[in-house]
N, C-alpha and C. Protein backbone atom coordinates (compact mmCIF):
# COMPACT_ATOMS: atom_id res chain seq x y z
N MET A 1 61.20 -32.33 34.81
CA MET A 1 61.87 -31.30 35.62
C MET A 1 61.11 -31.27 36.92
N GLU A 2 61.83 -31.30 37.99
CA GLU A 2 61.21 -31.26 39.33
C GLU A 2 60.69 -29.82 39.68
N PRO A 3 59.77 -29.75 40.62
CA PRO A 3 59.16 -28.48 40.99
C PRO A 3 60.21 -27.41 41.37
N LEU A 4 61.26 -27.80 42.11
CA LEU A 4 62.26 -26.80 42.51
C LEU A 4 62.95 -26.17 41.32
N ASP A 5 63.26 -27.05 40.35
CA ASP A 5 63.89 -26.51 39.10
C ASP A 5 62.98 -25.62 38.30
N ARG A 6 61.61 -25.96 38.38
CA ARG A 6 60.64 -25.07 37.68
C ARG A 6 60.63 -23.71 38.39
N HIS A 7 60.69 -23.74 39.74
CA HIS A 7 60.69 -22.50 40.48
C HIS A 7 61.91 -21.65 40.14
N ILE A 8 63.10 -22.27 40.05
CA ILE A 8 64.29 -21.58 39.66
C ILE A 8 64.10 -20.93 38.26
N VAL A 9 63.61 -21.70 37.32
CA VAL A 9 63.43 -21.19 35.95
C VAL A 9 62.47 -19.98 35.95
N GLN A 10 61.38 -20.11 36.75
CA GLN A 10 60.41 -19.01 36.81
C GLN A 10 61.07 -17.75 37.33
N VAL A 11 61.82 -17.86 38.44
CA VAL A 11 62.49 -16.64 38.98
C VAL A 11 63.49 -16.05 37.97
N LEU A 12 64.27 -16.90 37.37
CA LEU A 12 65.30 -16.43 36.41
C LEU A 12 64.61 -15.75 35.20
N ALA A 13 63.52 -16.23 34.78
CA ALA A 13 62.77 -15.68 33.67
C ALA A 13 62.29 -14.27 34.02
N GLU A 14 61.94 -14.09 35.31
CA GLU A 14 61.48 -12.75 35.71
C GLU A 14 62.65 -11.85 36.12
N GLU A 15 63.71 -12.40 36.62
CA GLU A 15 64.85 -11.61 37.13
C GLU A 15 66.17 -12.27 36.69
N GLY A 16 66.51 -12.13 35.45
CA GLY A 16 67.75 -12.82 34.93
C GLY A 16 69.03 -12.42 35.55
N ARG A 17 69.06 -11.28 36.22
CA ARG A 17 70.37 -10.81 36.82
C ARG A 17 70.37 -11.01 38.30
N ILE A 18 69.43 -11.74 38.88
CA ILE A 18 69.39 -12.03 40.35
C ILE A 18 70.69 -12.83 40.66
N SER A 19 71.25 -12.49 41.84
CA SER A 19 72.43 -13.22 42.32
C SER A 19 72.09 -14.63 42.74
N PHE A 20 73.09 -15.48 42.73
CA PHE A 20 72.79 -16.84 43.19
C PHE A 20 72.39 -16.86 44.69
N ALA A 21 72.97 -15.97 45.49
CA ALA A 21 72.55 -15.83 46.91
C ALA A 21 71.08 -15.46 47.01
N ASP A 22 70.65 -14.46 46.25
CA ASP A 22 69.22 -14.04 46.32
C ASP A 22 68.36 -15.09 45.71
N LEU A 23 68.77 -15.76 44.72
CA LEU A 23 67.98 -16.82 44.04
C LEU A 23 67.86 -17.98 45.03
N GLY A 24 68.93 -18.33 45.68
CA GLY A 24 68.88 -19.40 46.73
C GLY A 24 67.90 -19.06 47.81
N ARG A 25 67.86 -17.83 48.28
CA ARG A 25 66.93 -17.41 49.32
C ARG A 25 65.47 -17.56 48.86
N ARG A 26 65.25 -17.12 47.61
CA ARG A 26 63.86 -17.16 47.02
C ARG A 26 63.37 -18.58 46.85
N VAL A 27 64.27 -19.55 46.60
CA VAL A 27 63.84 -20.97 46.33
C VAL A 27 64.15 -21.87 47.46
N GLY A 28 64.78 -21.34 48.55
CA GLY A 28 65.02 -22.19 49.74
C GLY A 28 66.30 -23.06 49.59
N LEU A 29 67.31 -22.65 48.91
CA LEU A 29 68.53 -23.48 48.71
C LEU A 29 69.70 -22.57 49.14
N SER A 30 70.85 -23.23 49.39
CA SER A 30 72.13 -22.49 49.60
C SER A 30 72.56 -21.96 48.30
N THR A 31 73.45 -20.99 48.38
CA THR A 31 74.08 -20.38 47.15
C THR A 31 74.71 -21.41 46.32
N SER A 32 75.54 -22.31 46.87
CA SER A 32 76.17 -23.32 46.05
C SER A 32 75.22 -24.34 45.43
N ALA A 33 74.21 -24.75 46.15
CA ALA A 33 73.18 -25.66 45.63
C ALA A 33 72.44 -25.01 44.50
N VAL A 34 72.03 -23.80 44.61
CA VAL A 34 71.27 -23.17 43.54
C VAL A 34 72.19 -22.94 42.29
N HIS A 35 73.44 -22.62 42.56
CA HIS A 35 74.43 -22.49 41.45
C HIS A 35 74.58 -23.81 40.64
N GLN A 36 74.61 -24.87 41.39
CA GLN A 36 74.71 -26.26 40.70
C GLN A 36 73.46 -26.53 39.91
N ARG A 37 72.33 -26.27 40.46
CA ARG A 37 71.08 -26.47 39.72
C ARG A 37 70.94 -25.64 38.51
N VAL A 38 71.33 -24.35 38.57
CA VAL A 38 71.29 -23.51 37.41
C VAL A 38 72.29 -23.99 36.32
N LYS A 39 73.41 -24.43 36.77
CA LYS A 39 74.40 -24.97 35.82
C LYS A 39 73.79 -26.23 35.16
N ARG A 40 73.20 -27.06 35.87
CA ARG A 40 72.58 -28.28 35.24
C ARG A 40 71.46 -27.90 34.31
N LEU A 41 70.66 -26.86 34.64
CA LEU A 41 69.60 -26.42 33.76
C LEU A 41 70.17 -25.87 32.52
N GLU A 42 71.32 -25.14 32.54
CA GLU A 42 71.96 -24.68 31.35
C GLU A 42 72.52 -25.80 30.54
N GLU A 43 73.19 -26.84 31.16
CA GLU A 43 73.73 -27.96 30.49
C GLU A 43 72.65 -28.71 29.78
N ARG A 44 71.46 -28.84 30.35
CA ARG A 44 70.30 -29.57 29.75
C ARG A 44 69.61 -28.67 28.75
N GLU A 45 70.10 -27.50 28.54
CA GLU A 45 69.53 -26.46 27.60
C GLU A 45 68.06 -26.14 27.90
N ILE A 46 67.72 -26.22 29.20
CA ILE A 46 66.44 -25.69 29.58
C ILE A 46 66.54 -24.14 29.66
N ILE A 47 67.66 -23.68 30.27
CA ILE A 47 68.04 -22.27 30.20
C ILE A 47 69.06 -22.17 29.07
N THR A 48 68.70 -21.37 28.03
CA THR A 48 69.60 -21.32 26.90
C THR A 48 70.33 -19.97 26.76
N GLY A 49 70.10 -19.04 27.69
CA GLY A 49 70.86 -17.81 27.62
C GLY A 49 70.21 -16.75 28.50
N TYR A 50 70.84 -15.64 28.51
CA TYR A 50 70.37 -14.49 29.31
C TYR A 50 70.46 -13.24 28.36
N ARG A 51 69.58 -12.30 28.58
CA ARG A 51 69.64 -11.12 27.65
C ARG A 51 69.08 -9.92 28.36
N ALA A 52 69.45 -8.83 27.78
CA ALA A 52 68.92 -7.50 28.28
C ALA A 52 67.47 -7.23 27.69
N VAL A 53 66.67 -6.62 28.54
CA VAL A 53 65.36 -6.19 28.02
C VAL A 53 65.53 -4.79 27.59
N VAL A 54 65.26 -4.48 26.35
CA VAL A 54 65.52 -3.23 25.65
C VAL A 54 64.26 -2.39 25.50
N ASP A 55 64.29 -1.11 25.77
CA ASP A 55 63.25 -0.22 25.37
C ASP A 55 63.50 0.19 23.93
N TYR A 56 62.76 -0.43 23.07
CA TYR A 56 63.00 -0.17 21.54
C TYR A 56 62.81 1.23 21.11
N THR A 57 61.86 1.88 21.76
CA THR A 57 61.60 3.31 21.42
C THR A 57 62.91 4.13 21.68
N LYS A 58 63.51 3.89 22.82
CA LYS A 58 64.68 4.63 23.26
C LYS A 58 65.91 4.38 22.40
N VAL A 59 65.92 3.24 21.68
CA VAL A 59 67.07 2.98 20.77
C VAL A 59 66.73 3.22 19.33
N GLY A 60 65.65 3.90 19.11
CA GLY A 60 65.32 4.38 17.74
C GLY A 60 64.52 3.35 16.94
N LEU A 61 63.84 2.44 17.57
CA LEU A 61 63.04 1.44 16.84
C LEU A 61 61.57 1.37 17.47
N PRO A 62 60.85 2.57 17.34
CA PRO A 62 59.58 2.64 18.00
C PRO A 62 58.46 1.87 17.28
N LEU A 63 58.68 1.49 16.03
CA LEU A 63 57.57 0.87 15.20
C LEU A 63 57.77 -0.64 15.16
N THR A 64 56.77 -1.32 15.72
CA THR A 64 56.75 -2.78 15.74
C THR A 64 55.58 -3.27 14.84
N ALA A 65 55.90 -4.34 14.07
CA ALA A 65 54.85 -4.86 13.20
C ALA A 65 54.93 -6.39 13.19
N LEU A 66 53.75 -7.04 13.04
CA LEU A 66 53.69 -8.47 12.76
C LEU A 66 53.29 -8.67 11.32
N MET A 67 54.13 -9.44 10.59
CA MET A 67 53.82 -9.63 9.22
C MET A 67 53.65 -11.17 8.98
N SER A 68 52.43 -11.54 8.47
CA SER A 68 52.12 -12.83 8.06
C SER A 68 52.58 -12.96 6.64
N ILE A 69 53.21 -14.07 6.26
CA ILE A 69 53.63 -14.23 4.92
C ILE A 69 53.25 -15.65 4.32
N THR A 70 52.94 -15.67 3.08
CA THR A 70 52.52 -16.87 2.33
C THR A 70 53.26 -16.83 0.98
N PRO A 71 53.95 -18.00 0.67
CA PRO A 71 54.66 -17.99 -0.62
C PRO A 71 53.65 -17.86 -1.80
N PHE A 72 54.08 -17.16 -2.83
CA PHE A 72 53.20 -17.03 -4.04
C PHE A 72 53.01 -18.44 -4.67
N ASP A 73 54.06 -19.26 -4.66
CA ASP A 73 53.97 -20.62 -5.20
C ASP A 73 54.03 -21.70 -4.11
N PRO A 74 52.94 -22.22 -3.69
CA PRO A 74 52.92 -23.16 -2.61
C PRO A 74 53.75 -24.42 -2.88
N ALA A 75 54.00 -24.73 -4.20
CA ALA A 75 54.81 -25.91 -4.49
C ALA A 75 56.33 -25.64 -4.45
N ALA A 76 56.70 -24.37 -4.28
CA ALA A 76 58.10 -24.03 -4.23
C ALA A 76 58.74 -24.57 -2.95
N GLU A 77 60.09 -24.68 -3.01
CA GLU A 77 60.78 -25.15 -1.80
C GLU A 77 60.56 -24.19 -0.68
N ASP A 78 60.38 -24.72 0.59
CA ASP A 78 60.10 -23.83 1.71
C ASP A 78 61.44 -23.40 2.35
N ASP A 79 61.92 -22.35 1.79
CA ASP A 79 63.26 -21.78 2.28
C ASP A 79 63.10 -20.36 2.65
N VAL A 80 61.86 -19.94 3.04
CA VAL A 80 61.66 -18.51 3.36
C VAL A 80 62.54 -18.08 4.50
N PRO A 81 62.69 -18.85 5.63
CA PRO A 81 63.54 -18.33 6.73
C PRO A 81 65.01 -18.09 6.23
N GLU A 82 65.50 -18.98 5.39
CA GLU A 82 66.83 -18.74 4.87
C GLU A 82 66.91 -17.53 3.99
N ARG A 83 65.91 -17.29 3.16
CA ARG A 83 65.91 -16.14 2.28
C ARG A 83 65.86 -14.77 3.04
N LEU A 84 65.24 -14.81 4.27
CA LEU A 84 65.04 -13.61 4.98
C LEU A 84 66.03 -13.44 6.15
N ASN A 85 66.84 -14.43 6.37
CA ASN A 85 67.76 -14.43 7.50
C ASN A 85 68.61 -13.21 7.66
N ASP A 86 69.06 -12.60 6.60
CA ASP A 86 70.03 -11.49 6.61
C ASP A 86 69.30 -10.12 6.81
N ILE A 87 67.96 -10.08 6.91
CA ILE A 87 67.27 -8.80 7.12
C ILE A 87 67.19 -8.58 8.57
N GLU A 88 67.95 -7.65 9.10
CA GLU A 88 68.08 -7.42 10.52
C GLU A 88 66.85 -6.79 11.16
N GLU A 89 65.98 -6.19 10.37
CA GLU A 89 64.79 -5.64 10.95
C GLU A 89 63.77 -6.69 11.42
N ILE A 90 63.98 -7.95 10.90
CA ILE A 90 63.18 -9.07 11.30
C ILE A 90 63.83 -9.67 12.52
N VAL A 91 63.12 -9.55 13.70
CA VAL A 91 63.71 -10.02 14.92
C VAL A 91 63.26 -11.38 15.38
N ALA A 92 62.18 -11.83 14.73
CA ALA A 92 61.71 -13.22 15.04
C ALA A 92 60.95 -13.71 13.77
N CYS A 93 61.06 -15.08 13.58
CA CYS A 93 60.38 -15.70 12.47
C CYS A 93 59.79 -17.02 13.03
N TRP A 94 58.48 -17.07 12.98
CA TRP A 94 57.75 -18.25 13.50
C TRP A 94 57.04 -18.97 12.39
N SER A 95 57.27 -20.28 12.25
CA SER A 95 56.48 -21.14 11.38
C SER A 95 55.15 -21.37 12.04
N VAL A 96 54.02 -21.13 11.37
CA VAL A 96 52.69 -21.21 11.93
C VAL A 96 51.79 -22.07 11.18
N ALA A 97 50.74 -22.58 11.89
CA ALA A 97 49.64 -23.26 11.23
C ALA A 97 48.54 -22.26 10.96
N GLY A 98 47.85 -22.50 9.85
CA GLY A 98 46.75 -21.57 9.50
C GLY A 98 46.93 -21.10 8.01
N ASP A 99 46.34 -19.98 7.69
CA ASP A 99 46.39 -19.54 6.33
C ASP A 99 47.70 -19.09 5.91
N GLU A 100 48.51 -18.58 6.78
CA GLU A 100 49.90 -18.15 6.48
C GLU A 100 50.90 -19.21 6.80
N ASN A 101 52.11 -19.05 6.24
CA ASN A 101 53.17 -20.07 6.58
C ASN A 101 54.03 -19.58 7.69
N TYR A 102 54.30 -18.27 7.77
CA TYR A 102 55.27 -17.71 8.76
C TYR A 102 54.65 -16.38 9.25
N VAL A 103 55.03 -16.04 10.49
CA VAL A 103 54.81 -14.74 11.04
C VAL A 103 56.11 -14.17 11.45
N LEU A 104 56.35 -12.90 11.01
CA LEU A 104 57.61 -12.22 11.29
C LEU A 104 57.32 -11.12 12.27
N LEU A 105 58.26 -10.92 13.18
CA LEU A 105 58.25 -9.80 14.14
C LEU A 105 59.27 -8.79 13.65
N ILE A 106 58.80 -7.61 13.40
CA ILE A 106 59.66 -6.57 12.77
C ILE A 106 59.68 -5.39 13.66
N ARG A 107 60.88 -4.76 13.73
CA ARG A 107 61.11 -3.48 14.44
C ARG A 107 61.86 -2.51 13.56
N VAL A 108 61.30 -1.34 13.34
CA VAL A 108 61.91 -0.31 12.46
C VAL A 108 61.65 1.06 13.17
N GLY A 109 62.37 2.02 12.54
CA GLY A 109 62.26 3.39 13.12
C GLY A 109 61.16 4.21 12.61
N ARG A 110 60.81 4.08 11.30
CA ARG A 110 59.80 4.99 10.71
C ARG A 110 58.92 4.17 9.82
N PRO A 111 57.69 4.74 9.51
CA PRO A 111 56.81 4.10 8.54
C PRO A 111 57.45 3.85 7.21
N GLN A 112 58.29 4.84 6.75
CA GLN A 112 58.99 4.65 5.49
C GLN A 112 59.86 3.49 5.50
N ASP A 113 60.50 3.20 6.65
CA ASP A 113 61.39 1.99 6.72
C ASP A 113 60.60 0.78 6.61
N LEU A 114 59.41 0.76 7.13
CA LEU A 114 58.50 -0.38 7.09
C LEU A 114 58.10 -0.61 5.59
N GLU A 115 57.73 0.46 4.95
CA GLU A 115 57.29 0.29 3.55
C GLU A 115 58.39 -0.25 2.68
N GLU A 116 59.60 0.25 2.87
CA GLU A 116 60.82 -0.24 2.13
C GLU A 116 61.07 -1.73 2.50
N LEU A 117 60.86 -2.05 3.73
CA LEU A 117 61.13 -3.42 4.15
C LEU A 117 60.10 -4.37 3.50
N PHE A 118 58.83 -3.95 3.41
CA PHE A 118 57.80 -4.75 2.76
C PHE A 118 58.23 -5.18 1.38
N ALA A 119 58.72 -4.20 0.64
CA ALA A 119 59.17 -4.42 -0.74
C ALA A 119 60.28 -5.43 -0.77
N ARG A 120 61.27 -5.23 0.11
CA ARG A 120 62.41 -6.18 0.14
C ARG A 120 61.98 -7.58 0.51
N ILE A 121 61.13 -7.73 1.44
CA ILE A 121 60.69 -9.09 1.83
C ILE A 121 59.86 -9.71 0.74
N ARG A 122 58.98 -9.03 0.09
CA ARG A 122 58.20 -9.60 -0.99
C ARG A 122 59.09 -10.07 -2.17
N GLN A 123 60.09 -9.25 -2.47
CA GLN A 123 60.98 -9.55 -3.60
C GLN A 123 61.93 -10.63 -3.22
N GLN A 124 62.47 -10.63 -2.04
CA GLN A 124 63.58 -11.52 -1.62
C GLN A 124 63.00 -12.89 -1.35
N ALA A 125 61.76 -13.02 -0.86
CA ALA A 125 61.22 -14.30 -0.49
C ALA A 125 60.08 -14.75 -1.44
N SER A 126 59.63 -13.89 -2.34
CA SER A 126 58.52 -14.22 -3.25
C SER A 126 57.31 -14.63 -2.48
N VAL A 127 56.83 -13.68 -1.57
CA VAL A 127 55.68 -13.99 -0.73
C VAL A 127 54.67 -12.88 -0.78
N ALA A 128 53.43 -13.27 -0.44
CA ALA A 128 52.39 -12.29 -0.23
C ALA A 128 52.39 -12.02 1.29
N THR A 129 52.07 -10.80 1.63
CA THR A 129 52.16 -10.36 3.04
C THR A 129 50.83 -9.84 3.56
N ASN A 130 50.68 -9.92 4.89
CA ASN A 130 49.59 -9.28 5.62
C ASN A 130 50.15 -8.71 6.88
N THR A 131 50.02 -7.45 7.13
CA THR A 131 50.75 -6.87 8.20
C THR A 131 49.82 -6.15 9.20
N THR A 132 50.25 -6.31 10.49
CA THR A 132 49.51 -5.69 11.59
C THR A 132 50.56 -4.76 12.29
N ILE A 133 50.24 -3.49 12.46
CA ILE A 133 51.10 -2.56 13.19
C ILE A 133 50.73 -2.59 14.66
N VAL A 134 51.71 -2.65 15.50
CA VAL A 134 51.46 -2.69 16.96
C VAL A 134 51.33 -1.20 17.45
N LEU A 135 50.34 -0.91 18.14
CA LEU A 135 50.09 0.46 18.62
C LEU A 135 50.77 0.68 19.98
N SER A 136 50.68 -0.30 20.84
CA SER A 136 51.34 -0.22 22.18
C SER A 136 51.57 -1.61 22.61
N THR A 137 52.49 -1.73 23.58
CA THR A 137 52.80 -3.07 24.14
C THR A 137 52.71 -2.98 25.71
N PRO A 138 51.55 -3.32 26.19
CA PRO A 138 51.29 -3.27 27.64
C PRO A 138 52.26 -4.19 28.41
N TRP A 139 52.59 -5.37 27.81
CA TRP A 139 53.59 -6.26 28.36
C TRP A 139 53.99 -7.28 27.28
N GLU A 140 55.23 -7.82 27.44
CA GLU A 140 55.67 -8.91 26.53
C GLU A 140 56.85 -9.69 27.28
N ASP A 141 57.23 -10.78 26.69
CA ASP A 141 58.36 -11.55 27.15
C ASP A 141 58.15 -12.20 28.50
N ARG A 142 56.94 -12.44 28.90
CA ARG A 142 56.82 -13.22 30.14
C ARG A 142 56.76 -14.66 29.87
N LEU A 143 57.15 -15.44 30.85
CA LEU A 143 57.27 -16.88 30.66
C LEU A 143 55.89 -17.55 30.65
N GLY A 144 55.02 -17.03 31.52
CA GLY A 144 53.74 -17.70 31.66
C GLY A 144 53.85 -18.81 32.71
N ARG A 145 52.79 -19.58 32.85
CA ARG A 145 52.82 -20.61 33.82
C ARG A 145 53.45 -21.85 33.23
N LEU A 146 54.40 -22.44 33.98
CA LEU A 146 55.03 -23.68 33.53
C LEU A 146 54.18 -24.88 33.79
N PRO A 147 54.21 -25.90 32.93
CA PRO A 147 53.41 -27.09 33.19
C PRO A 147 54.01 -27.80 34.42
N THR A 148 53.14 -28.51 35.08
CA THR A 148 53.52 -29.21 36.33
C THR A 148 54.17 -30.54 36.07
N GLU A 149 54.05 -31.01 34.78
CA GLU A 149 54.64 -32.31 34.45
C GLU A 149 55.56 -32.13 33.23
N ASP A 150 56.49 -33.02 33.12
CA ASP A 150 57.45 -32.95 31.98
C ASP A 150 56.77 -33.48 30.72
N TYR A 151 57.17 -32.86 29.59
CA TYR A 151 56.73 -33.29 28.30
C TYR A 151 57.89 -34.01 27.67
N VAL A 152 57.56 -35.09 27.00
CA VAL A 152 58.49 -35.92 26.24
C VAL A 152 58.73 -35.31 24.89
N ILE A 153 59.93 -34.91 24.60
CA ILE A 153 60.25 -34.25 23.34
C ILE A 153 61.06 -35.14 22.45
């Protein structure tokens, strides 16, 4: 990916609703040229979508937790993501290296909801859990610095 495309991605990650005219001004391109570049970035699946940033407290989900999970039987089929896919309180599931197999990002309204969810997850996926409660979120969802060179995937 060339430096200009990296710049476009960086701006869109920070301001997903920016107009093509404003984006073009920020990166030094005409509106039509920046529109074409964004379309190509979408076609190449470098940009995979746009979303609203939600204040979870204001929508009734003030409690965030990270749950590390490990199957009780390490020899069992690794189908934990499929077993937990229908649980809407789990908003992300990451396969990780380390002592645990997966880390789940959970958002709920009350401590009682979290306790009930623990039981459902343990039963539904047959896993041991280790949970961390988030006290505050100074920031999240930033892109970070993009590498200056392409990676071969």
